[in-house]
Amino acid sequence: MQTLQAADVHLYILTDTAVGEAYLGDAGSARVTWLGDGDLPGAQDPAALIAALDALPLPDEDYFIWLTGEEPRVKRLSDYFIGQRRREASCVNVVAYWHQK
C-alpha cells in the first residue's frame, strides 16, 4: 500500500486564520493556504477558492480529493473538480456537515 508524502498534501481553508492555525497546529510540510474568515465575500460565493484551486496542479492518477463544509459550498466544489477539472467522482469525497433549511 502506498501512502501520500506530506509534500503532496495541499490544504485550502476558509476560516478565521488565527482560530484555524490554533486548531490545526503544526501542519508539517503540508501546504496550507488560508483564505480568510467566513465573512469574506468568497465565503458565500466560492469563486475565490475556485480561482485558487485553478492554479493547483492535479495529477492524472493516484490522487484523492476530500471536501468538507457547508452543503452548498462543497457541492459546488465537488461539481468543479468532477466537471471542470475532470476528476473521477470516485476520487472526490464530499462530507457536508451543515444544510440550510
Foldseek 3Di string as FASTA:
>chain_A
DDDDDQLPAEAEDAAAVVVVCVVVPDSDNHHYHYDHHCVDPCNVPVPVVVVVVVPDDDDPDDAAAEEEEAVVVQVVVLCCCCPVVVDDNVRYHYYHPHYDD
